[in-house]
Amino acid sequence: MSQWRHPPDVSPPYKGYRDEDWQDNDGALNTISMTHPRLPFEHPSRFVKNDSDCQPLEPGIWYYKIVEGDHILFIVNRERAGVQFDLIYDSIFERCRKHVFRKTPPTLPNQTLQ
């Protein structure tokens, strides 16, 4: 479960955004991001129960199924990944912490600090 909340003084990233939609996860990914992209706009998507229900496939639609399982064990396999898997995620989170706790705001291209 996530304890992070979208700041109330900042506009949401997309129409209909709710913090609680992003809390459920499968061990590595939040489950809402697994279905289809929502940025820079929400893409058309379709949940697939039976493969025959979505034939022929239409271009521009994200078709998805939900597999119940832990993403880490299902995709990577802990025995195969071992310590290297932990090190990858440790380095990602360390970089995220640097951004969260930085002293100066980030500089965007073509922008000067005042």
PDB file of N, CA and C in Angstrom:
ATOM      1  N   MET A   1       0.841  -1.175   0.000  1.00  0.00           N
ATOM      2  CA  MET A   1       0.000   0.000   0.000  1.00  0.00           C
ATOM      3  C   MET A   1       0.886   1.238   0.000  1.00  0.00           C
ATOM      4  N   SER A   2       0.475   2.212  -0.777  1.00  0.00           N
ATOM      5  CA  SER A   2       1.235   3.454  -0.892  1.00  0.00           C
ATOM      6  C   SER A   2       0.774   4.476   0.134  1.00  0.00           C
ATOM      7  N   GLN A   3       1.722   5.216   0.675  1.00  0.00           N
ATOM      8  CA  GLN A   3       1.374   6.300   1.589  1.00  0.00           C
ATOM      9  C   GLN A   3       1.487   7.648   0.888  1.00  0.00           C
ATOM     10  N   TRP A   4       1.940   7.643  -0.362  1.00  0.00           N
ATOM     11  CA  TRP A   4       2.097   8.881  -1.111  1.00  0.00           C
ATOM     12  C   TRP A   4       0.733   9.402  -1.535  1.00  0.00           C
ATOM     13  N   ARG A   5       0.575  10.707  -1.509  1.00  0.00           N
ATOM     14  CA  ARG A   5      -0.657  11.360  -1.949  1.00  0.00           C
ATOM     15  C   ARG A   5      -0.291  12.460  -2.938  1.00  0.00           C
ATOM     16  N   HIS A   6      -1.113  12.613  -3.964  1.00  0.00           N
ATOM     17  CA  HIS A   6      -0.896  13.702  -4.922  1.00  0.00           C
ATOM     18  C   HIS A   6      -1.127  15.022  -4.201  1.00  0.00           C
ATOM     19  N   PRO A   7      -0.228  15.993  -4.354  1.00  0.00           N
ATOM     20  CA  PRO A   7      -0.388  17.264  -3.636  1.00  0.00           C
ATOM     21  C   PRO A   7      -1.705  17.957  -3.994  1.00  0.00           C
ATOM     22  N   PRO A   8      -2.466  18.399  -2.997  1.00  0.00           N
ATOM     23  CA  PRO A   8      -3.775  19.003  -3.264  1.00  0.00           C
ATOM     24  C   PRO A   8      -3.691  20.338  -3.999  1.00  0.00           C
ATOM     25  N   ASP A   9      -2.546  21.014  -3.938  1.00  0.00           N
ATOM     26  CA  ASP A   9      -2.411  22.313  -4.605  1.00  0.00           C
ATOM     27  C   ASP A   9      -1.879  22.201  -6.037  1.00  0.00           C
ATOM     28  N   VAL A  10      -1.739  20.969  -6.544  1.00  0.00           N
ATOM     29  CA  VAL A  10      -1.253  20.731  -7.904  1.00  0.00           C
ATOM     30  C   VAL A  10      -2.355  20.032  -8.687  1.00  0.00           C
ATOM     31  N   SER A  11      -2.559  20.458  -9.935  1.00  0.00           N
ATOM     32  CA  SER A  11      -3.617  19.822 -10.728  1.00  0.00           C
ATOM     33  C   SER A  11      -3.262  18.357 -10.976  1.00  0.00           C
ATOM     34  N   PRO A  12      -4.275  17.479 -11.020  1.00  0.00           N
ATOM     35  CA  PRO A  12      -4.012  16.044 -11.206  1.00  0.00           C
ATOM     36  C   PRO A  12      -3.388  15.769 -12.575  1.00  0.00           C
ATOM     37  N   PRO A  13      -2.649  14.660 -12.693  1.00  0.00           N
ATOM     38  CA  PRO A  13      -1.965  14.363 -13.949  1.00  0.00           C
ATOM     39  C   PRO A  13      -2.912  14.057 -15.111  1.00  0.00           C
ATOM     40  N   TYR A  14      -4.124  13.593 -14.812  1.00  0.00           N
ATOM     41  CA  TYR A  14      -5.112  13.350 -15.865  1.00  0.00           C
ATOM     42  C   TYR A  14      -6.506  13.419 -15.265  1.00  0.00           C
ATOM     43  N   LYS A  15      -7.498  13.605 -16.125  1.00  0.00           N
ATOM     44  CA  LYS A  15      -8.889  13.710 -15.685  1.00  0.00           C
ATOM     45  C   LYS A  15      -9.325  12.396 -15.029  1.00  0.00           C
ATOM     46  N   GLY A  16      -9.920  12.497 -13.860  1.00  0.00           N
ATOM     47  CA  GLY A  16     -10.383  11.309 -13.149  1.00  0.00           C
ATOM     48  C   GLY A  16      -9.337  10.661 -12.255  1.00  0.00           C
ATOM     49  N   TYR A  17      -8.160  11.284 -12.112  1.00  0.00           N
ATOM     50  CA  TYR A  17      -7.099  10.725 -11.263  1.00  0.00           C
ATOM     51  C   TYR A  17      -7.572  10.621  -9.817  1.00  0.00           C
ATOM     52  N   ARG A  18      -7.279   9.466  -9.183  1.00  0.00           N
ATOM     53  CA  ARG A  18      -7.557   9.256  -7.757  1.00  0.00           C
ATOM     54  C   ARG A  18      -6.363   8.523  -7.163  1.00  0.00           C
ATOM     55  N   ASP A  19      -5.869   8.996  -6.017  1.00  0.00           N
ATOM     56  CA  ASP A  19      -4.736   8.337  -5.359  1.00  0.00           C
ATOM     57  C   ASP A  19      -5.008   6.859  -5.112  1.00  0.00           C
ATOM     58  N   GLU A  20      -6.210   6.537  -4.651  1.00  0.00           N
ATOM     59  CA  GLU A  20      -6.509   5.149  -4.285  1.00  0.00           C
ATOM     60  C   GLU A  20      -6.417   4.182  -5.462  1.00  0.00           C
ATOM     61  N   ASP A  21      -6.570   4.666  -6.708  1.00  0.00           N
ATOM     62  CA  ASP A  21      -6.428   3.794  -7.873  1.00  0.00           C
ATOM     63  C   ASP A  21      -4.996   3.299  -8.035  1.00  0.00           C
ATOM     64  N   TRP A  22      -4.043   4.038  -7.515  1.00  0.00           N
ATOM     65  CA  TRP A  22      -2.633   3.721  -7.696  1.00  0.00           C
ATOM     66  C   TRP A  22      -2.048   2.946  -6.517  1.00  0.00           C
ATOM     67  N   GLN A  23      -2.820   2.659  -5.488  1.00  0.00           N
ATOM     68  CA  GLN A  23      -2.284   1.992  -4.303  1.00  0.00           C
ATOM     69  C   GLN A  23      -2.151   0.490  -4.471  1.00  0.00           C
ATOM     70  N   ASP A  24      -3.088  -0.131  -5.173  1.00  0.00           N
ATOM     71  CA  ASP A  24      -3.042  -1.575  -5.350  1.00  0.00           C
ATOM     72  C   ASP A  24      -1.863  -1.919  -6.253  1.00  0.00           C
ATOM     73  N   ASN A  25      -1.054  -2.893  -5.866  1.00  0.00           N
ATOM     74  CA  ASN A  25       0.069  -3.281  -6.709  1.00  0.00           C
ATOM     75  C   ASN A  25       0.295  -4.777  -6.620  1.00  0.00           C
ATOM     76  N   ASP A  26       1.104  -5.268  -7.553  1.00  0.00           N
ATOM     77  CA  ASP A  26       1.348  -6.707  -7.606  1.00  0.00           C
ATOM     78  C   ASP A  26       2.731  -7.083  -7.090  1.00  0.00           C
ATOM     79  N   GLY A  27       3.382  -6.208  -6.387  1.00  0.00           N
ATOM     80  CA  GLY A  27       4.700  -6.499  -5.848  1.00  0.00           C
ATOM     81  C   GLY A  27       5.789  -5.652  -6.465  1.00  0.00           C
ATOM     82  N   ALA A  28       5.596  -5.198  -7.694  1.00  0.00           N
ATOM     83  CA  ALA A  28       6.598  -4.349  -8.335  1.00  0.00           C
ATOM     84  C   ALA A  28       5.955  -3.172  -9.055  1.00  0.00           C
ATOM     85  N   LEU A  29       4.776  -3.388  -9.583  1.00  0.00           N
ATOM     86  CA  LEU A  29       4.076  -2.340 -10.333  1.00  0.00           C
ATOM     87  C   LEU A  29       2.724  -2.067  -9.718  1.00  0.00           C
ATOM     88  N   ASN A  30       2.285  -0.807  -9.812  1.00  0.00           N
ATOM     89  CA  ASN A  30       0.905  -0.566  -9.408  1.00  0.00           C
ATOM     90  C   ASN A  30       0.013  -1.104 -10.520  1.00  0.00           C
ATOM     91  N   THR A  31      -1.073  -1.745 -10.157  1.00  0.00           N
ATOM     92  CA  THR A  31      -1.873  -2.469 -11.139  1.00  0.00           C
ATOM     93  C   THR A  31      -2.569  -1.563 -12.141  1.00  0.00           C
ATOM     94  N   ILE A  32      -2.828  -0.311 -11.796  1.00  0.00           N
ATOM     95  CA  ILE A  32      -3.506   0.567 -12.753  1.00  0.00           C
ATOM     96  C   ILE A  32      -2.600   0.904 -13.934  1.00  0.00           C
ATOM     97  N   SER A  33      -1.302   0.986 -13.724  1.00  0.00           N
ATOM     98  CA  SER A  33      -0.401   1.337 -14.821  1.00  0.00           C
ATOM     99  C   SER A  33      -0.131   0.161 -15.755  1.00  0.00           C
ATOM    100  N   MET A  34      -0.531  -1.038 -15.377  1.00  0.00           N
ATOM    101  CA  MET A  34      -0.285  -2.205 -16.218  1.00  0.00           C
ATOM    102  C   MET A  34      -1.264  -2.306 -17.382  1.00  0.00           C
ATOM    103  N   THR A  35      -2.401  -1.621 -17.314  1.00  0.00           N
ATOM    104  CA  THR A  35      -3.438  -1.822 -18.321  1.00  0.00           C
ATOM    105  C   THR A  35      -3.232  -1.010 -19.582  1.00  0.00           C
ATOM    106  N   HIS A  36      -2.904   0.273 -19.455  1.00  0.00           N
ATOM    107  CA  HIS A  36      -2.705   1.129 -20.624  1.00  0.00           C
ATOM    108  C   HIS A  36      -2.150   2.477 -20.188  1.00  0.00           C
ATOM    109  N   PRO A  37      -1.504   3.194 -21.122  1.00  0.00           N
ATOM    110  CA  PRO A  37      -0.969   4.518 -20.782  1.00  0.00           C
ATOM    111  C   PRO A  37      -2.088   5.518 -20.500  1.00  0.00           C
ATOM    112  N   ARG A  38      -1.834   6.412 -19.582  1.00  0.00           N
ATOM    113  CA  ARG A  38      -2.792   7.470 -19.251  1.00  0.00           C
ATOM    114  C   ARG A  38      -2.213   8.861 -19.484  1.00  0.00           C
ATOM    115  N   LEU A  39      -0.945   8.924 -19.823  1.00  0.00           N
ATOM    116  CA  LEU A  39      -0.294  10.205 -20.103  1.00  0.00           C
ATOM    117  C   LEU A  39       0.352  10.159 -21.475  1.00  0.00           C
ATOM    118  N   PRO A  40       0.396  11.183 -22.263  1.00  0.00           N
ATOM    119  CA  PRO A  40      -0.130  12.512 -21.989  1.00  0.00           C
ATOM    120  C   PRO A  40      -1.653  12.588 -22.092  1.00  0.00           C
ATOM    121  N   PHE A  41      -2.291  11.509 -22.537  1.00  0.00           N
ATOM    122  CA  PHE A  41      -3.752  11.414 -22.553  1.00  0.00           C
ATOM    123  C   PHE A  41      -4.102   9.951 -22.341  1.00  0.00           C
ATOM    124  N   GLU A  42      -5.325   9.680 -21.938  1.00  0.00           N
ATOM    125  CA  GLU A  42      -5.717   8.290 -21.694  1.00  0.00           C
ATOM    126  C   GLU A  42      -5.938   7.575 -23.024  1.00  0.00           C
ATOM    127  N   HIS A  43      -5.232   6.477 -23.210  1.00  0.00           N
ATOM    128  CA  HIS A  43      -5.321   5.723 -24.454  1.00  0.00           C
ATOM    129  C   HIS A  43      -6.509   4.766 -24.409  1.00  0.00           C
ATOM    130  N   PRO A  44      -7.116   4.487 -25.561  1.00  0.00           N
ATOM    131  CA  PRO A  44      -8.205   3.505 -25.581  1.00  0.00           C
ATOM    132  C   PRO A  44      -7.680   2.135 -25.151  1.00  0.00           C
ATOM    133  N   SER A  45      -8.472   1.415 -24.376  1.00  0.00           N
ATOM    134  CA  SER A  45      -8.039   0.101 -23.913  1.00  0.00           C
ATOM    135  C   SER A  45      -9.242  -0.828 -23.816  1.00  0.00           C
ATOM    136  N   ARG A  46      -8.931  -2.113 -23.751  1.00  0.00           N
ATOM    137  CA  ARG A  46     -10.005  -3.103 -23.641  1.00  0.00           C
ATOM    138  C   ARG A  46      -9.503  -4.309 -22.862  1.00  0.00           C
ATOM    139  N   PHE A  47     -10.243  -4.646 -21.809  1.00  0.00           N
ATOM    140  CA  PHE A  47      -9.939  -5.845 -21.031  1.00  0.00           C
ATOM    141  C   PHE A  47     -10.339  -7.067 -21.851  1.00  0.00           C
ATOM    142  N   VAL A  48      -9.464  -8.053 -21.942  1.00  0.00           N
ATOM    143  CA  VAL A  48      -9.713  -9.249 -22.747  1.00  0.00           C
ATOM    144  C   VAL A  48      -9.992 -10.419 -21.820  1.00  0.00           C
ATOM    145  N   LYS A  49     -11.210 -10.929 -21.883  1.00  0.00           N
ATOM    146  CA  LYS A  49     -11.552 -12.125 -21.120  1.00  0.00           C
ATOM    147  C   LYS A  49     -11.200 -13.363 -21.943  1.00  0.00           C
ATOM    148  N   ASN A  50     -11.706 -13.409 -23.160  1.00  0.00           N
ATOM    149  CA  ASN A  50     -11.411 -14.501 -24.092  1.00  0.00           C
ATOM    150  C   ASN A  50     -10.775 -13.906 -25.340  1.00  0.00           C
ATOM    151  N   ASP A  51      -9.696 -14.510 -25.818  1.00  0.00           N
ATOM    152  CA  ASP A  51      -9.010 -13.986 -26.995  1.00  0.00           C
ATOM    153  C   ASP A  51      -9.941 -13.864 -28.195  1.00  0.00           C
ATOM    154  N   SER A  52     -10.888 -14.774 -28.317  1.00  0.00           N
ATOM    155  CA  SER A  52     -11.791 -14.750 -29.472  1.00  0.00           C
ATOM    156  C   SER A  52     -12.731 -13.545 -29.457  1.00  0.00           C
ATOM    157  N   ASP A  53     -12.935 -12.928 -28.280  1.00  0.00           N
ATOM    158  CA  ASP A  53     -13.840 -11.778 -28.186  1.00  0.00           C
ATOM    159  C   ASP A  53     -13.272 -10.512 -28.813  1.00  0.00           C
ATOM    160  N   CYS A  54     -11.988 -10.464 -29.050  1.00  0.00           N
ATOM    161  CA  CYS A  54     -11.383  -9.226 -29.561  1.00  0.00           C
ATOM    162  C   CYS A  54     -10.740  -9.421 -30.926  1.00  0.00           C
ATOM    163  N   GLN A  55     -11.250 -10.360 -31.696  1.00  0.00           N
ATOM    164  CA  GLN A  55     -10.711 -10.580 -33.039  1.00  0.00           C
ATOM    165  C   GLN A  55     -11.639  -9.962 -34.069  1.00  0.00           C
ATOM    166  N   PRO A  56     -11.123  -9.252 -35.054  1.00  0.00           N
ATOM    167  CA  PRO A  56      -9.723  -8.916 -35.251  1.00  0.00           C
ATOM    168  C   PRO A  56      -9.312  -7.776 -34.327  1.00  0.00           C
ATOM    169  N   LEU A  57      -8.022  -7.693 -34.048  1.00  0.00           N
ATOM    170  CA  LEU A  57      -7.510  -6.609 -33.213  1.00  0.00           C
ATOM    171  C   LEU A  57      -7.613  -5.288 -33.967  1.00  0.00           C
ATOM    172  N   GLU A  58      -7.973  -4.234 -33.241  1.00  0.00           N
ATOM    173  CA  GLU A  58      -8.074  -2.910 -33.845  1.00  0.00           C
ATOM    174  C   GLU A  58      -6.825  -2.108 -33.512  1.00  0.00           C
ATOM    175  N   PRO A  59      -6.253  -1.411 -34.501  1.00  0.00           N
ATOM    176  CA  PRO A  59      -5.077  -0.583 -34.221  1.00  0.00           C
ATOM    177  C   PRO A  59      -5.416   0.539 -33.247  1.00  0.00           C
ATOM    178  N   GLY A  60      -4.458   0.893 -32.398  1.00  0.00           N
ATOM    179  CA  GLY A  60      -4.635   2.013 -31.484  1.00  0.00           C
ATOM    180  C   GLY A  60      -5.312   1.673 -30.175  1.00  0.00           C
ATOM    181  N   ILE A  61      -5.654   0.410 -29.956  1.00  0.00           N
ATOM    182  CA  ILE A  61      -6.292  -0.009 -28.706  1.00  0.00           C
ATOM    183  C   ILE A  61      -5.328  -0.912 -27.947  1.00  0.00           C
ATOM    184  N   TRP A  62      -5.183  -0.647 -26.652  1.00  0.00           N
ATOM    185  CA  TRP A  62      -4.350  -1.477 -25.787  1.00  0.00           C
ATOM    186  C   TRP A  62      -5.221  -2.603 -25.239  1.00  0.00           C
ATOM    187  N   TYR A  63      -4.945  -3.835 -25.666  1.00  0.00           N
ATOM    188  CA  TYR A  63      -5.666  -4.999 -25.157  1.00  0.00           C
ATOM    189  C   TYR A  63      -4.869  -5.563 -23.984  1.00  0.00           C
ATOM    190  N   TYR A  64      -5.554  -5.937 -22.916  1.00  0.00           N
ATOM    191  CA  TYR A  64      -4.825  -6.447 -21.756  1.00  0.00           C
ATOM    192  C   TYR A  64      -5.616  -7.527 -21.034  1.00  0.00           C
ATOM    193  N   LYS A  65      -4.857  -8.389 -20.368  1.00  0.00           N
ATOM    194  CA  LYS A  65      -5.407  -9.394 -19.460  1.00  0.00           C
ATOM    195  C   LYS A  65      -4.768  -9.146 -18.107  1.00  0.00           C
ATOM    196  N   ILE A  66      -5.413  -9.588 -17.062  1.00  0.00           N
ATOM    197  CA  ILE A  66      -4.837  -9.469 -15.726  1.00  0.00           C
ATOM    198  C   ILE A  66      -4.468 -10.869 -15.256  1.00  0.00           C
ATOM    199  N   VAL A  67      -3.195 -11.045 -14.937  1.00  0.00           N
ATOM    200  CA  VAL A  67      -2.694 -12.316 -14.435  1.00  0.00           C
ATOM    201  C   VAL A  67      -2.459 -12.140 -12.947  1.00  0.00           C
ATOM    202  N   GLU A  68      -3.078 -12.968 -12.142  1.00  0.00           N
ATOM    203  CA  GLU A  68      -2.899 -12.882 -10.692  1.00  0.00           C
ATOM    204  C   GLU A  68      -1.574 -13.540 -10.325  1.00  0.00           C
ATOM    205  N   GLY A  69      -0.628 -12.755  -9.881  1.00  0.00           N
ATOM    206  CA  GLY A  69       0.668 -13.272  -9.476  1.00  0.00           C
ATOM    207  C   GLY A  69       1.579 -12.127  -9.099  1.00  0.00           C
ATOM    208  N   ASP A  70       2.612 -12.414  -8.374  1.00  0.00           N
ATOM    209  CA  ASP A  70       3.578 -11.406  -7.985  1.00  0.00           C
ATOM    210  C   ASP A  70       4.477 -11.113  -9.177  1.00  0.00           C
ATOM    211  N   HIS A  71       4.523  -9.864  -9.587  1.00  0.00           N
ATOM    212  CA  HIS A  71       5.290  -9.468 -10.765  1.00  0.00           C
ATOM    213  C   HIS A  71       6.755  -9.883 -10.649  1.00  0.00           C
ATOM    214  N   ILE A  72       7.336  -9.681  -9.493  1.00  0.00           N
ATOM    215  CA  ILE A  72       8.752  -9.993  -9.312  1.00  0.00           C
ATOM    216  C   ILE A  72       9.006 -11.485  -9.541  1.00  0.00           C
ATOM    217  N   LEU A  73       8.224 -12.324  -8.916  1.00  0.00           N
ATOM    218  CA  LEU A  73       8.452 -13.763  -9.044  1.00  0.00           C
ATOM    219  C   LEU A  73       7.987 -14.291 -10.391  1.00  0.00           C
ATOM    220  N   PHE A  74       6.935 -13.698 -10.935  1.00  0.00           N
ATOM    221  CA  PHE A  74       6.375 -14.189 -12.193  1.00  0.00           C
ATOM    222  C   PHE A  74       7.262 -13.822 -13.379  1.00  0.00           C
ATOM    223  N   ILE A  75       7.721 -12.579 -13.426  1.00  0.00           N
ATOM    224  CA  ILE A  75       8.498 -12.107 -14.562  1.00  0.00           C
ATOM    225  C   ILE A  75       9.995 -12.367 -14.385  1.00  0.00           C
ATOM    226  N   VAL A  76      10.544 -11.978 -13.249  1.00  0.00           N
ATOM    227  CA  VAL A  76      11.987 -12.017 -13.063  1.00  0.00           C
ATOM    228  C   VAL A  76      12.463 -13.330 -12.455  1.00  0.00           C
ATOM    229  N   ASN A  77      11.720 -13.889 -11.541  1.00  0.00           N
ATOM    230  CA  ASN A  77      12.092 -15.099 -10.827  1.00  0.00           C
ATOM    231  C   ASN A  77      13.236 -14.791  -9.871  1.00  0.00           C
ATOM    232  N   ARG A  78      12.931 -14.778  -8.609  1.00  0.00           N
ATOM    233  CA  ARG A  78      13.881 -14.372  -7.573  1.00  0.00           C
ATOM    234  C   ARG A  78      15.182 -15.176  -7.622  1.00  0.00           C
ATOM    235  N   GLU A  79      15.089 -16.476  -7.865  1.00  0.00           N
ATOM    236  CA  GLU A  79      16.299 -17.302  -7.901  1.00  0.00           C
ATOM    237  C   GLU A  79      17.202 -16.890  -9.055  1.00  0.00           C
ATOM    238  N   ARG A  80      16.597 -16.558 -10.202  1.00  0.00           N
ATOM    239  CA  ARG A  80      17.373 -16.166 -11.369  1.00  0.00           C
ATOM    240  C   ARG A  80      17.982 -14.776 -11.197  1.00  0.00           C
ATOM    241  N   ALA A  81      17.212 -13.847 -10.632  1.00  0.00           N
ATOM    242  CA  ALA A  81      17.669 -12.462 -10.513  1.00  0.00           C
ATOM    243  C   ALA A  81      18.609 -12.273  -9.335  1.00  0.00           C
ATOM    244  N   GLY A  82      18.275 -12.883  -8.206  1.00  0.00           N
ATOM    245  CA  GLY A  82      19.127 -12.808  -7.025  1.00  0.00           C
ATOM    246  C   GLY A  82      19.409 -11.397  -6.556  1.00  0.00           C
ATOM    247  N   VAL A  83      20.622 -11.176  -6.096  1.00  0.00           N
ATOM    248  CA  VAL A  83      21.035  -9.895  -5.528  1.00  0.00           C
ATOM    249  C   VAL A  83      20.999  -8.789  -6.582  1.00  0.00           C
ATOM    250  N   GLN A  84      21.288  -9.112  -7.825  1.00  0.00           N
ATOM    251  CA  GLN A  84      21.307  -8.089  -8.874  1.00  0.00           C
ATOM    252  C   GLN A  84      19.959  -7.390  -8.994  1.00  0.00           C
ATOM    253  N   PHE A  85      18.883  -8.146  -8.832  1.00  0.00           N
ATOM    254  CA  PHE A  85      17.542  -7.559  -8.896  1.00  0.00           C
ATOM    255  C   PHE A  85      17.365  -6.527  -7.787  1.00  0.00           C
ATOM    256  N   ASP A  86      17.781  -6.874  -6.570  1.00  0.00           N
ATOM    257  CA  ASP A  86      17.682  -5.944  -5.443  1.00  0.00           C
ATOM    258  C   ASP A  86      18.524  -4.696  -5.688  1.00  0.00           C
ATOM    259  N   LEU A  87      19.708  -4.870  -6.251  1.00  0.00           N
ATOM    260  CA  LEU A  87      20.592  -3.731  -6.506  1.00  0.00           C
ATOM    261  C   LEU A  87      20.004  -2.777  -7.537  1.00  0.00           C
ATOM    262  N   ILE A  88      19.341  -3.323  -8.545  1.00  0.00           N
ATOM    263  CA  ILE A  88      18.701  -2.470  -9.556  1.00  0.00           C
ATOM    264  C   ILE A  88      17.668  -1.578  -8.890  1.00  0.00           C
ATOM    265  N   TYR A  89      16.781  -2.189  -8.104  1.00  0.00           N
ATOM    266  CA  TYR A  89      15.725  -1.398  -7.472  1.00  0.00           C
ATOM    267  C   TYR A  89      16.273  -0.465  -6.397  1.00  0.00           C
ATOM    268  N   ASP A  90      17.304  -0.878  -5.684  1.00  0.00           N
ATOM    269  CA  ASP A  90      17.934   0.020  -4.712  1.00  0.00           C
ATOM    270  C   ASP A  90      18.471   1.270  -5.402  1.00  0.00           C
ATOM    271  N   SER A  91      19.102   1.091  -6.564  1.00  0.00           N
ATOM    272  CA  SER A  91      19.659   2.251  -7.270  1.00  0.00           C
ATOM    273  C   SER A  91      18.551   3.158  -7.797  1.00  0.00           C
ATOM    274  N   ILE A  92      17.444   2.586  -8.247  1.00  0.00           N
ATOM    275  CA  ILE A  92      16.310   3.397  -8.710  1.00  0.00           C
ATOM    276  C   ILE A  92      15.756   4.223  -7.559  1.00  0.00           C
ATOM    277  N   PHE A  93      15.524   3.582  -6.422  1.00  0.00           N
ATOM    278  CA  PHE A  93      14.954   4.297  -5.279  1.00  0.00           C
ATOM    279  C   PHE A  93      15.926   5.339  -4.724  1.00  0.00           C
ATOM    280  N   GLU A  94      17.219   5.049  -4.778  1.00  0.00           N
ATOM    281  CA  GLU A  94      18.211   6.024  -4.318  1.00  0.00           C
ATOM    282  C   GLU A  94      18.156   7.284  -5.183  1.00  0.00           C
ATOM    283  N   ARG A  95      18.033   7.102  -6.505  1.00  0.00           N
ATOM    284  CA  ARG A  95      17.926   8.265  -7.392  1.00  0.00           C
ATOM    285  C   ARG A  95      16.644   9.040  -7.121  1.00  0.00           C
ATOM    286  N   CYS A  96      15.568   8.336  -6.837  1.00  0.00           N
ATOM    287  CA  CYS A  96      14.298   9.008  -6.509  1.00  0.00           C
ATOM    288  C   CYS A  96      14.441   9.828  -5.231  1.00  0.00           C
ATOM    289  N   ARG A  97      15.104   9.265  -4.222  1.00  0.00           N
ATOM    290  CA  ARG A  97      15.292   9.988  -2.962  1.00  0.00           C
ATOM    291  C   ARG A  97      16.106  11.261  -3.169  1.00  0.00           C
ATOM    292  N   LYS A  98      17.082  11.218  -4.075  1.00  0.00           N
ATOM    293  CA  LYS A  98      17.878  12.417  -4.351  1.00  0.00           C
ATOM    294  C   LYS A  98      16.990  13.538  -4.879  1.00  0.00           C
ATOM    295  N   HIS A  99      16.006  13.188  -5.696  1.00  0.00           N
ATOM    296  CA  HIS A  99      15.101  14.205  -6.244  1.00  0.00           C
ATOM    297  C   HIS A  99      14.132  14.716  -5.189  1.00  0.00           C
ATOM    298  N   VAL A 100      13.692  13.855  -4.314  1.00  0.00           N
ATOM    299  CA  VAL A 100      12.730  14.250  -3.285  1.00  0.00           C
ATOM    300  C   VAL A 100      13.361  15.193  -2.279  1.00  0.00           C
ATOM    301  N   PHE A 101      14.599  14.929  -1.903  1.00  0.00           N
ATOM    302  CA  PHE A 101      15.247  15.697  -0.848  1.00  0.00           C
ATOM    303  C   PHE A 101      16.225  16.759  -1.363  1.00  0.00           C
ATOM    304  N   ARG A 102      16.159  17.114  -2.633  1.00  0.00           N
ATOM    305  CA  ARG A 102      17.108  18.104  -3.156  1.00  0.00           C
ATOM    306  C   ARG A 102      16.838  19.496  -2.587  1.00  0.00           C
ATOM    307  N   LYS A 103      17.870  20.312  -2.552  1.00  0.00           N
ATOM    308  CA  LYS A 103      17.788  21.655  -1.964  1.00  0.00           C
ATOM    309  C   LYS A 103      17.291  22.702  -2.963  1.00  0.00           C
ATOM    310  N   THR A 104      17.586  22.515  -4.244  1.00  0.00           N
ATOM    311  CA  THR A 104      17.158  23.477  -5.260  1.00  0.00           C
ATOM    312  C   THR A 104      16.155  22.825  -6.199  1.00  0.00           C
ATOM    313  N   PRO A 105      15.231  23.597  -6.767  1.00  0.00           N
ATOM    314  CA  PRO A 105      14.252  23.013  -7.689  1.00  0.00           C
ATOM    315  C   PRO A 105      14.931  22.566  -8.981  1.00  0.00           C
ATOM    316  N   PRO A 106      14.348  21.599  -9.680  1.00  0.00           N
ATOM    317  CA  PRO A 106      14.950  21.133 -10.927  1.00  0.00           C
ATOM    318  C   PRO A 106      14.913  22.235 -11.985  1.00  0.00           C
ATOM    319  N   THR A 107      15.902  22.252 -12.853  1.00  0.00           N
ATOM    320  CA  THR A 107      15.939  23.213 -13.949  1.00  0.00           C
ATOM    321  C   THR A 107      15.469  22.517 -15.212  1.00  0.00           C
ATOM    322  N   LEU A 108      14.480  23.092 -15.859  1.00  0.00           N
ATOM    323  CA  LEU A 108      13.971  22.547 -17.103  1.00  0.00           C
ATOM    324  C   LEU A 108      14.744  23.152 -18.265  1.00  0.00           C
ATOM    325  N   PRO A 109      14.749  22.493 -19.439  1.00  0.00           N
ATOM    326  CA  PRO A 109      15.430  23.076 -20.596  1.00  0.00           C
ATOM    327  C   PRO A 109      14.867  24.473 -20.886  1.00  0.00           C
ATOM    328  N   ASN A 110      15.719  25.387 -21.297  1.00  0.00           N
ATOM    329  CA  ASN A 110      15.332  26.765 -21.631  1.00  0.00           C
ATOM    330  C   ASN A 110      14.747  27.509 -20.438  1.00  0.00           C
ATOM    331  N   GLN A 111      15.138  27.142 -19.241  1.00  0.00           N
ATOM    332  CA  GLN A 111      14.638  27.815 -18.042  1.00  0.00           C
ATOM    333  C   GLN A 111      15.836  28.182 -17.172  1.00  0.00           C
ATOM    334  N   THR A 112      15.811  29.384 -16.623  1.00  0.00           N
ATOM    335  CA  THR A 112      16.891  29.796 -15.733  1.00  0.00           C
ATOM    336  C   THR A 112      16.354  29.921 -14.323  1.00  0.00           C
ATOM    337  N   LEU A 113      17.204  29.631 -13.348  1.00  0.00           N
ATOM    338  CA  LEU A 113      16.814  29.776 -11.946  1.00  0.00           C
ATOM    339  C   LEU A 113      16.849  31.247 -11.561  1.00  0.00           C
ATOM    340  N   GLN A 114      15.895  31.671 -10.751  1.00  0.00           N
ATOM    341  CA  GLN A 114      15.840  33.073 -10.330  1.00  0.00           C
ATOM    342  C   GLN A 114      16.187  33.208  -8.878  1.00  0.00           C
TER     343      GLN A 114
END
